[in-house]
């Protein structure tokens, strides 16, 4: 089953950019389709592969932070080729 996941990492600390960049670089290295914008990151692929990656990388990221928030949305389809029609 193909899925699309939109996620946002919000480290609750002054120096917030390095943990975000590190997390995104690890997602990019996975070989999955990963797209970023200023507000979130999207990951596309097979459910088991995406969720396995996110399970380990979210845990790793949270372990490196004193406090942080992950927001996650999952859609049951691969929306990586979405083009607005307006």
C-alpha atoms as a PDB file:
ATOM      1  CA  UNK A   1       0.000   0.000   0.000  1.00  0.00           C
ATOM      2  CA  UNK A   2       1.349   3.421  -0.970  1.00  0.00           C
ATOM      3  CA  UNK A   3       1.155   6.332   1.442  1.00  0.00           C
ATOM      4  CA  UNK A   4       2.007  10.015   1.657  1.00  0.00           C
ATOM      5  CA  UNK A   5       3.167  11.430   4.984  1.00  0.00           C
ATOM      6  CA  UNK A   6       3.455  15.095   5.867  1.00  0.00           C
ATOM      7  CA  UNK A   7       5.424  15.839   8.999  1.00  0.00           C
ATOM      8  CA  UNK A   8       6.759  18.783  10.915  1.00  0.00           C
ATOM      9  CA  UNK A   9       9.476  18.693  13.559  1.00  0.00           C
ATOM     10  CA  UNK A  10       9.434  21.557  16.060  1.00  0.00           C
ATOM     11  CA  UNK A  11      12.383  21.437  18.475  1.00  0.00           C
ATOM     12  CA  UNK A  12      11.545  23.414  21.613  1.00  0.00           C
ATOM     13  CA  UNK A  13      14.933  25.066  21.947  1.00  0.00           C
ATOM     14  CA  UNK A  14      16.728  28.202  20.796  1.00  0.00           C
ATOM     15  CA  UNK A  15      19.036  26.462  18.314  1.00  0.00           C
ATOM     16  CA  UNK A  16      16.246  24.662  16.446  1.00  0.00           C
ATOM     17  CA  UNK A  17      17.608  24.479  12.871  1.00  0.00           C
ATOM     18  CA  UNK A  18      20.351  21.808  13.233  1.00  0.00           C
ATOM     19  CA  UNK A  19      17.993  19.042  14.481  1.00  0.00           C
ATOM     20  CA  UNK A  20      15.535  19.787  11.661  1.00  0.00           C
ATOM     21  CA  UNK A  21      18.247  19.741   8.980  1.00  0.00           C
ATOM     22  CA  UNK A  22      19.723  16.527  10.394  1.00  0.00           C
ATOM     23  CA  UNK A  23      16.317  14.829  10.361  1.00  0.00           C
ATOM     24  CA  UNK A  24      15.627  15.865   6.754  1.00  0.00           C
ATOM     25  CA  UNK A  25      19.083  14.711   5.594  1.00  0.00           C
ATOM     26  CA  UNK A  26      18.430  11.271   7.091  1.00  0.00           C
ATOM     27  CA  UNK A  27      15.087  11.068   5.293  1.00  0.00           C
ATOM     28  CA  UNK A  28      16.721  12.094   1.999  1.00  0.00           C
ATOM     29  CA  UNK A  29      19.362   9.368   2.389  1.00  0.00           C
ATOM     30  CA  UNK A  30      16.648   6.689   2.619  1.00  0.00           C
ATOM     31  CA  UNK A  31      16.005   6.529  -1.124  1.00  0.00           C
ATOM     32  CA  UNK A  32      12.317   7.345  -0.645  1.00  0.00           C
ATOM     33  CA  UNK A  33      10.713  10.333  -2.342  1.00  0.00           C
ATOM     34  CA  UNK A  34      11.152  13.258   0.055  1.00  0.00           C
ATOM     35  CA  UNK A  35       9.962  16.803  -0.646  1.00  0.00           C
ATOM     36  CA  UNK A  36      10.365  19.807   1.632  1.00  0.00           C
ATOM     37  CA  UNK A  37       8.829  23.238   1.923  1.00  0.00           C
ATOM     38  CA  UNK A  38       9.301  25.900   4.611  1.00  0.00           C
ATOM     39  CA  UNK A  39       6.555  24.431   6.822  1.00  0.00           C
ATOM     40  CA  UNK A  40       6.802  20.664   6.469  1.00  0.00           C
ATOM     41  CA  UNK A  41       8.425  17.643   4.876  1.00  0.00           C
ATOM     42  CA  UNK A  42       6.596  15.033   2.810  1.00  0.00           C
ATOM     43  CA  UNK A  43       7.662  11.394   2.456  1.00  0.00           C
ATOM     44  CA  UNK A  44       6.126   9.078  -0.140  1.00  0.00           C
ATOM     45  CA  UNK A  45       6.365   5.327  -0.629  1.00  0.00           C
ATOM     46  CA  UNK A  46       5.306   1.901   0.552  1.00  0.00           C
ATOM     47  CA  UNK A  47       3.605   1.933   3.971  1.00  0.00           C
ATOM     48  CA  UNK A  48       5.955  -0.527   5.670  1.00  0.00           C
ATOM     49  CA  UNK A  49       9.091   1.149   4.332  1.00  0.00           C
ATOM     50  CA  UNK A  50       7.983   4.707   5.162  1.00  0.00           C
ATOM     51  CA  UNK A  51       6.700   3.841   8.632  1.00  0.00           C
ATOM     52  CA  UNK A  52       9.812   1.812   9.486  1.00  0.00           C
ATOM     53  CA  UNK A  53      12.008   4.752   8.507  1.00  0.00           C
ATOM     54  CA  UNK A  54       9.875   7.258  10.409  1.00  0.00           C
ATOM     55  CA  UNK A  55       9.694   5.036  13.480  1.00  0.00           C
ATOM     56  CA  UNK A  56      13.475   4.909  13.817  1.00  0.00           C
ATOM     57  CA  UNK A  57      14.278   8.481  12.724  1.00  0.00           C
ATOM     58  CA  UNK A  58      11.585  10.135  14.843  1.00  0.00           C
ATOM     59  CA  UNK A  59      12.833   8.195  17.873  1.00  0.00           C
ATOM     60  CA  UNK A  60      16.459   9.155  17.127  1.00  0.00           C
ATOM     61  CA  UNK A  61      15.532  12.821  16.728  1.00  0.00           C
ATOM     62  CA  UNK A  62      13.511  12.966  19.930  1.00  0.00           C
ATOM     63  CA  UNK A  63      16.307  11.295  21.881  1.00  0.00           C
ATOM     64  CA  UNK A  64      18.646  14.138  20.850  1.00  0.00           C
ATOM     65  CA  UNK A  65      16.236  16.877  21.976  1.00  0.00           C
ATOM     66  CA  UNK A  66      15.359  18.031  25.466  1.00  0.00           C
ATOM     67  CA  UNK A  67      11.846  18.718  24.165  1.00  0.00           C
ATOM     68  CA  UNK A  68      10.223  18.673  20.753  1.00  0.00           C
ATOM     69  CA  UNK A  69       7.030  18.164  18.802  1.00  0.00           C
ATOM     70  CA  UNK A  70       6.328  16.038  15.715  1.00  0.00           C
ATOM     71  CA  UNK A  71       3.120  16.634  13.777  1.00  0.00           C
ATOM     72  CA  UNK A  72       2.187  13.878  11.330  1.00  0.00           C
ATOM     73  CA  UNK A  73      -0.473  13.377   8.646  1.00  0.00           C
ATOM     74  CA  UNK A  74      -0.831  10.135   6.694  1.00  0.00           C
ATOM     75  CA  UNK A  75      -2.784   9.757   3.444  1.00  0.00           C
ATOM     76  CA  UNK A  76      -3.483   6.371   1.880  1.00  0.00           C
ATOM     77  CA  UNK A  77      -2.154   7.115  -1.596  1.00  0.00           C
ATOM     78  CA  UNK A  78       1.028   8.360  -3.201  1.00  0.00           C
ATOM     79  CA  UNK A  79       0.424  12.072  -3.801  1.00  0.00           C
ATOM     80  CA  UNK A  80       4.014  12.867  -4.863  1.00  0.00           C
ATOM     81  CA  UNK A  81       2.896  13.821  -8.375  1.00  0.00           C
ATOM     82  CA  UNK A  82       0.149  16.183  -7.221  1.00  0.00           C
ATOM     83  CA  UNK A  83      -0.253  19.277  -9.407  1.00  0.00           C
ATOM     84  CA  UNK A  84      -2.680  22.025  -8.404  1.00  0.00           C
ATOM     85  CA  UNK A  85      -5.539  22.511 -10.875  1.00  0.00           C
ATOM     86  CA  UNK A  86      -6.123  26.183 -10.169  1.00  0.00           C
END
